[in-house]
Structures are given as C-alpha cells and as structure tokens.
Amino acid sequence: MTYRLFLILIALAIVFCLTCGVCGDLLDQPGFITLERGPCFGLCPVYSVTVYENGSYIYQGDSNTPHPEYLVGITNETVFSELVSRFDEAGFFGMNDKYTEYLVTDMASAILTVQTGNQIKTVEHYFGDMNAPPILYDLENAVDTVLNLSPVNSSSGYEMIPGEEI
C-alpha cells in the first residue's frame, strides 16, 4: 500500500513539475554552479545544491542537515553572476581538476562544478589534501553563503534558510 502511495506521489510531482514549467526552465539554463558536500568520519553535512543562471536552485539534503529533503526555490537573479565573478577572480577554471591526496584521513570533501557559456569545470576537493589552494575553500563557502547555508556548529551541520520555495 505504501509503495502505491509513493508511486502516486511521484506521478503527481512529475505532473506538477511539467505543468508549472519550473523543471523545464531549470533544464534550459545554460549556466549553473553545483556544490556537492561529501561525508567525513563525523557529522559533516552531506548535501548537494545547484544554482542556475536565472536564480533558481535545487537543494538535496542527504545527512547531518536540518533539511534532509529536496527543495526547489528562487533566489536573487544576481546570485549566479556574483558567484561567477568570484570564481573568475579566483582563477577557478585554471585550478587542478583534483585535490584528493589523503594527507589527513577522515576529512570531508566537496565537488564544485561550474558551467558558463562554453566553459565547464569540475574540481574535486578532499579536505585532507593540504595542497588545495585556500581560495577553493572560500569558493565552496561562497556558494553556501549566497544560498543562506551557514554552519550552525561543528556537530550539527548546516541550516538552510531557503529563498522563495516553489
């Protein structure tokens, strides 16, 4: 019975998504920035968030977050361009593709992907790799900051104060 209810809810969600046009708009966006935060040997927040050129975003909380769910929302339209400017100033597109040397174990990780126009770049970052440029941490945190994902404390993960939910 619960499986049928689950399928009905999924079907309704798909119909809603197709009729409201939000999902289509998201998929048509040529530019996006995705931050995926990975687990550690503690209570590190695990989630992914993608912000699109039009200011819309998709958040998927996995574990150690107050919002372990899927959220779609709208934030300020300038968020994307402000982030892209920060990434350009930091030389993100010239960084190595991976900073994944395990110099310290049991640390969290992050994967940043940025697509603008014809450029796409992904940087994998294991926090135990001391060779990663410090500005990479700043870029990861910048994505959190503009979407109001802020550290609550080291043990409880992140608190999301979403923009206007759709």
C-alpha atoms as a PDB file:
ATOM      1  CA  MET A   1       0.000   0.000   0.000  1.00  0.00           C
ATOM      2  CA  THR A   2       2.760   2.471   0.885  1.00  0.00           C
ATOM      3  CA  TYR A   3       4.549   1.617  -2.359  1.00  0.00           C
ATOM      4  CA  ARG A   4       1.418   2.580  -4.340  1.00  0.00           C
ATOM      5  CA  LEU A   5       1.132   5.809  -2.384  1.00  0.00           C
ATOM      6  CA  PHE A   6       4.778   6.543  -3.138  1.00  0.00           C
ATOM      7  CA  LEU A   7       4.215   5.970  -6.870  1.00  0.00           C
ATOM      8  CA  ILE A   8       1.136   8.198  -6.836  1.00  0.00           C
ATOM      9  CA  LEU A   9       3.094  10.982  -5.108  1.00  0.00           C
ATOM     10  CA  ILE A  10       5.908  10.671  -7.644  1.00  0.00           C
ATOM     11  CA  ALA A  11       3.405  10.835 -10.506  1.00  0.00           C
ATOM     12  CA  LEU A  12       1.775  13.926  -9.008  1.00  0.00           C
ATOM     13  CA  ALA A  13       5.162  15.569  -8.555  1.00  0.00           C
ATOM     14  CA  ILE A  14       6.042  14.909 -12.198  1.00  0.00           C
ATOM     15  CA  VAL A  15       2.710  16.305 -13.400  1.00  0.00           C
ATOM     16  CA  PHE A  16       3.177  19.396 -11.215  1.00  0.00           C
ATOM     17  CA  CYS A  17       6.709  19.861 -12.470  1.00  0.00           C
ATOM     18  CA  LEU A  18       5.661  19.594 -16.106  1.00  0.00           C
ATOM     19  CA  THR A  19       2.655  21.894 -15.758  1.00  0.00           C
ATOM     20  CA  CYS A  20       4.293  24.662 -13.744  1.00  0.00           C
ATOM     21  CA  GLY A  21       7.277  24.897 -16.089  1.00  0.00           C
ATOM     22  CA  VAL A  22       9.889  25.194 -13.333  1.00  0.00           C
ATOM     23  CA  CYS A  23      11.718  21.977 -14.156  1.00  0.00           C
ATOM     24  CA  GLY A  24      11.808  22.799 -17.847  1.00  0.00           C
ATOM     25  CA  ASP A  25      13.167  26.250 -17.050  1.00  0.00           C
ATOM     26  CA  LEU A  26      15.870  24.732 -14.865  1.00  0.00           C
ATOM     27  CA  LEU A  27      16.928  22.261 -17.526  1.00  0.00           C
ATOM     28  CA  ASP A  28      17.084  25.023 -20.164  1.00  0.00           C
ATOM     29  CA  GLN A  29      19.531  27.114 -18.138  1.00  0.00           C
ATOM     30  CA  PRO A  30      22.917  27.280 -19.883  1.00  0.00           C
ATOM     31  CA  GLY A  31      24.794  28.252 -16.721  1.00  0.00           C
ATOM     32  CA  PHE A  32      24.922  26.567 -13.344  1.00  0.00           C
ATOM     33  CA  ILE A  33      27.096  26.067 -10.277  1.00  0.00           C
ATOM     34  CA  THR A  34      26.862  22.834  -8.288  1.00  0.00           C
ATOM     35  CA  LEU A  35      28.350  22.199  -4.862  1.00  0.00           C
ATOM     36  CA  GLU A  36      28.307  18.644  -3.538  1.00  0.00           C
ATOM     37  CA  ARG A  37      29.453  18.166   0.047  1.00  0.00           C
ATOM     38  CA  GLY A  38      30.615  14.662   0.956  1.00  0.00           C
ATOM     39  CA  PRO A  39      30.774  12.759   4.235  1.00  0.00           C
ATOM     40  CA  CYS A  40      33.524  12.579   6.810  1.00  0.00           C
ATOM     41  CA  PHE A  41      34.188  10.365   9.813  1.00  0.00           C
ATOM     42  CA  GLY A  42      31.941  12.580  11.907  1.00  0.00           C
ATOM     43  CA  LEU A  43      28.803  14.605  11.473  1.00  0.00           C
ATOM     44  CA  CYS A  44      29.723  16.576   8.373  1.00  0.00           C
ATOM     45  CA  PRO A  45      26.720  17.747   6.366  1.00  0.00           C
ATOM     46  CA  VAL A  46      26.139  15.790   3.152  1.00  0.00           C
ATOM     47  CA  TYR A  47      24.120  17.580   0.503  1.00  0.00           C
ATOM     48  CA  SER A  48      24.199  18.992  -2.990  1.00  0.00           C
ATOM     49  CA  VAL A  49      22.950  22.317  -4.265  1.00  0.00           C
ATOM     50  CA  THR A  50      22.808  23.703  -7.789  1.00  0.00           C
ATOM     51  CA  VAL A  51      22.154  27.360  -8.531  1.00  0.00           C
ATOM     52  CA  TYR A  52      21.161  28.304 -12.063  1.00  0.00           C
ATOM     53  CA  GLU A  53      21.696  31.405 -14.144  1.00  0.00           C
ATOM     54  CA  ASN A  54      18.118  32.626 -13.565  1.00  0.00           C
ATOM     55  CA  GLY A  55      18.487  32.482  -9.757  1.00  0.00           C
ATOM     56  CA  SER A  56      16.611  29.232  -9.261  1.00  0.00           C
ATOM     57  CA  TYR A  57      18.188  26.461  -7.224  1.00  0.00           C
ATOM     58  CA  ILE A  58      17.782  22.808  -6.369  1.00  0.00           C
ATOM     59  CA  TYR A  59      18.897  21.522  -2.968  1.00  0.00           C
ATOM     60  CA  GLN A  60      19.085  17.867  -1.926  1.00  0.00           C
ATOM     61  CA  GLY A  61      19.889  17.229   1.731  1.00  0.00           C
ATOM     62  CA  ASP A  62      21.251  13.785   2.490  1.00  0.00           C
ATOM     63  CA  SER A  63      22.525  13.519   6.060  1.00  0.00           C
ATOM     64  CA  ASN A  64      23.524  15.689   9.006  1.00  0.00           C
ATOM     65  CA  THR A  65      21.484  18.605   7.703  1.00  0.00           C
ATOM     66  CA  PRO A  66      18.353  20.111   9.230  1.00  0.00           C
ATOM     67  CA  HIS A  67      16.736  19.801   5.790  1.00  0.00           C
ATOM     68  CA  PRO A  68      17.229  16.210   4.588  1.00  0.00           C
ATOM     69  CA  GLU A  69      14.888  16.752   1.683  1.00  0.00           C
ATOM     70  CA  TYR A  70      14.592  18.054  -1.834  1.00  0.00           C
ATOM     71  CA  LEU A  71      13.934  21.777  -2.232  1.00  0.00           C
ATOM     72  CA  VAL A  72      13.429  23.846  -5.362  1.00  0.00           C
ATOM     73  CA  GLY A  73      13.449  27.598  -4.948  1.00  0.00           C
ATOM     74  CA  ILE A  74      14.193  31.010  -6.341  1.00  0.00           C
ATOM     75  CA  THR A  75      16.798  33.391  -5.002  1.00  0.00           C
ATOM     76  CA  ASN A  76      18.055  36.736  -6.275  1.00  0.00           C
ATOM     77  CA  GLU A  77      18.818  36.679 -10.019  1.00  0.00           C
ATOM     78  CA  THR A  78      22.215  38.310  -9.411  1.00  0.00           C
ATOM     79  CA  VAL A  79      23.436  35.408  -7.238  1.00  0.00           C
ATOM     80  CA  PHE A  80      24.724  33.406 -10.192  1.00  0.00           C
ATOM     81  CA  SER A  81      26.600  36.293 -11.834  1.00  0.00           C
ATOM     82  CA  GLU A  82      28.116  37.337  -8.489  1.00  0.00           C
ATOM     83  CA  LEU A  83      29.348  33.789  -7.912  1.00  0.00           C
ATOM     84  CA  VAL A  84      30.756  33.512 -11.431  1.00  0.00           C
ATOM     85  CA  SER A  85      32.672  36.764 -10.867  1.00  0.00           C
ATOM     86  CA  ARG A  86      34.175  35.357  -7.666  1.00  0.00           C
ATOM     87  CA  PHE A  87      35.111  32.119  -9.434  1.00  0.00           C
ATOM     88  CA  ASP A  88      36.737  34.048 -12.297  1.00  0.00           C
ATOM     89  CA  GLU A  89      38.700  36.295  -9.899  1.00  0.00           C
ATOM     90  CA  ALA A  90      39.913  33.212  -8.010  1.00  0.00           C
ATOM     91  CA  GLY A  91      41.134  31.508 -11.194  1.00  0.00           C
ATOM     92  CA  PHE A  92      38.777  28.544 -10.749  1.00  0.00           C
ATOM     93  CA  PHE A  93      38.935  27.474 -14.410  1.00  0.00           C
ATOM     94  CA  GLY A  94      42.746  27.251 -14.141  1.00  0.00           C
ATOM     95  CA  MET A  95      42.778  25.081 -10.994  1.00  0.00           C
ATOM     96  CA  ASN A  96      43.675  21.408 -10.999  1.00  0.00           C
ATOM     97  CA  ASP A  97      40.776  19.035 -11.560  1.00  0.00           C
ATOM     98  CA  LYS A  98      41.512  17.192  -8.317  1.00  0.00           C
ATOM     99  CA  TYR A  99      42.917  17.934  -4.903  1.00  0.00           C
ATOM    100  CA  THR A 100      42.382  14.473  -3.456  1.00  0.00           C
ATOM    101  CA  GLU A 101      45.644  13.440  -1.809  1.00  0.00           C
ATOM    102  CA  TYR A 102      44.914  11.804   1.558  1.00  0.00           C
ATOM    103  CA  LEU A 103      47.473  13.595   3.734  1.00  0.00           C
ATOM    104  CA  VAL A 104      44.963  13.619   6.606  1.00  0.00           C
ATOM    105  CA  THR A 105      42.291  10.929   6.826  1.00  0.00           C
ATOM    106  CA  ASP A 106      38.588  11.023   7.711  1.00  0.00           C
ATOM    107  CA  MET A 107      38.002  14.524   6.346  1.00  0.00           C
ATOM    108  CA  ALA A 108      35.022  15.791   4.353  1.00  0.00           C
ATOM    109  CA  SER A 109      35.077  16.516   0.642  1.00  0.00           C
ATOM    110  CA  ALA A 110      33.444  18.838  -1.850  1.00  0.00           C
ATOM    111  CA  ILE A 111      32.952  18.809  -5.593  1.00  0.00           C
ATOM    112  CA  LEU A 112      32.394  22.115  -7.372  1.00  0.00           C
ATOM    113  CA  THR A 113      31.146  22.238 -10.957  1.00  0.00           C
ATOM    114  CA  VAL A 114      30.723  25.490 -12.841  1.00  0.00           C
ATOM    115  CA  GLN A 115      29.283  25.884 -16.323  1.00  0.00           C
ATOM    116  CA  THR A 116      29.176  29.250 -18.022  1.00  0.00           C
ATOM    117  CA  GLY A 117      28.639  29.588 -21.752  1.00  0.00           C
ATOM    118  CA  ASN A 118      31.002  27.123 -23.420  1.00  0.00           C
ATOM    119  CA  GLN A 119      33.130  26.527 -20.304  1.00  0.00           C
ATOM    120  CA  ILE A 120      32.622  23.742 -17.811  1.00  0.00           C
ATOM    121  CA  LYS A 121      34.961  22.871 -14.970  1.00  0.00           C
ATOM    122  CA  THR A 122      34.761  20.413 -12.080  1.00  0.00           C
ATOM    123  CA  VAL A 123      37.151  20.438  -9.131  1.00  0.00           C
ATOM    124  CA  GLU A 124      37.157  17.579  -6.615  1.00  0.00           C
ATOM    125  CA  HIS A 125      38.445  18.626  -3.189  1.00  0.00           C
ATOM    126  CA  TYR A 126      39.270  16.311  -0.301  1.00  0.00           C
ATOM    127  CA  PHE A 127      39.779  18.467   2.786  1.00  0.00           C
ATOM    128  CA  GLY A 128      42.740  16.363   3.902  1.00  0.00           C
ATOM    129  CA  ASP A 129      44.752  17.478   0.843  1.00  0.00           C
ATOM    130  CA  MET A 130      46.909  20.329   2.095  1.00  0.00           C
ATOM    131  CA  ASN A 131      47.930  21.201  -1.480  1.00  0.00           C
ATOM    132  CA  ALA A 132      44.499  22.624  -2.309  1.00  0.00           C
ATOM    133  CA  PRO A 133      44.549  26.404  -2.682  1.00  0.00           C
ATOM    134  CA  PRO A 134      42.887  28.170   0.277  1.00  0.00           C
ATOM    135  CA  ILE A 135      40.703  30.125  -2.154  1.00  0.00           C
ATOM    136  CA  LEU A 136      38.970  26.823  -3.048  1.00  0.00           C
ATOM    137  CA  TYR A 137      37.522  26.663   0.488  1.00  0.00           C
ATOM    138  CA  ASP A 138      36.369  30.266   0.031  1.00  0.00           C
ATOM    139  CA  LEU A 139      34.570  29.408  -3.219  1.00  0.00           C
ATOM    140  CA  GLU A 140      32.820  26.417  -1.650  1.00  0.00           C
ATOM    141  CA  ASN A 141      31.735  28.573   1.275  1.00  0.00           C
ATOM    142  CA  ALA A 142      30.609  31.352  -1.088  1.00  0.00           C
ATOM    143  CA  VAL A 143      28.024  29.015  -2.628  1.00  0.00           C
ATOM    144  CA  ASP A 144      26.769  28.182   0.867  1.00  0.00           C
ATOM    145  CA  THR A 145      26.690  31.838   1.876  1.00  0.00           C
ATOM    146  CA  VAL A 146      24.664  33.181  -1.055  1.00  0.00           C
ATOM    147  CA  LEU A 147      22.041  30.470  -0.545  1.00  0.00           C
ATOM    148  CA  ASN A 148      21.961  31.022   3.228  1.00  0.00           C
ATOM    149  CA  LEU A 149      23.549  27.678   4.016  1.00  0.00           C
ATOM    150  CA  SER A 150      25.540  28.557   7.087  1.00  0.00           C
ATOM    151  CA  PRO A 151      27.392  26.470   9.649  1.00  0.00           C
ATOM    152  CA  VAL A 152      25.354  26.148  12.827  1.00  0.00           C
ATOM    153  CA  ASN A 153      28.202  24.458  14.671  1.00  0.00           C
ATOM    154  CA  SER A 154      30.680  21.690  14.011  1.00  0.00           C
ATOM    155  CA  SER A 155      28.390  18.915  15.225  1.00  0.00           C
ATOM    156  CA  SER A 156      25.001  19.841  13.806  1.00  0.00           C
ATOM    157  CA  GLY A 157      25.828  20.597  10.186  1.00  0.00           C
ATOM    158  CA  TYR A 158      24.196  23.347   8.187  1.00  0.00           C
ATOM    159  CA  GLU A 159      20.986  25.276   8.480  1.00  0.00           C
ATOM    160  CA  MET A 160      19.280  26.243   5.247  1.00  0.00           C
ATOM    161  CA  ILE A 161      17.100  29.293   5.125  1.00  0.00           C
ATOM    162  CA  PRO A 162      15.728  28.849   1.603  1.00  0.00           C
ATOM    163  CA  GLY A 163      14.647  31.552  -0.769  1.00  0.00           C
ATOM    164  CA  GLU A 164      11.118  31.576  -2.090  1.00  0.00           C
ATOM    165  CA  GLU A 165      10.111  27.950  -2.437  1.00  0.00           C
ATOM    166  CA  ILE A 166       8.156  26.901  -5.478  1.00  0.00           C
END
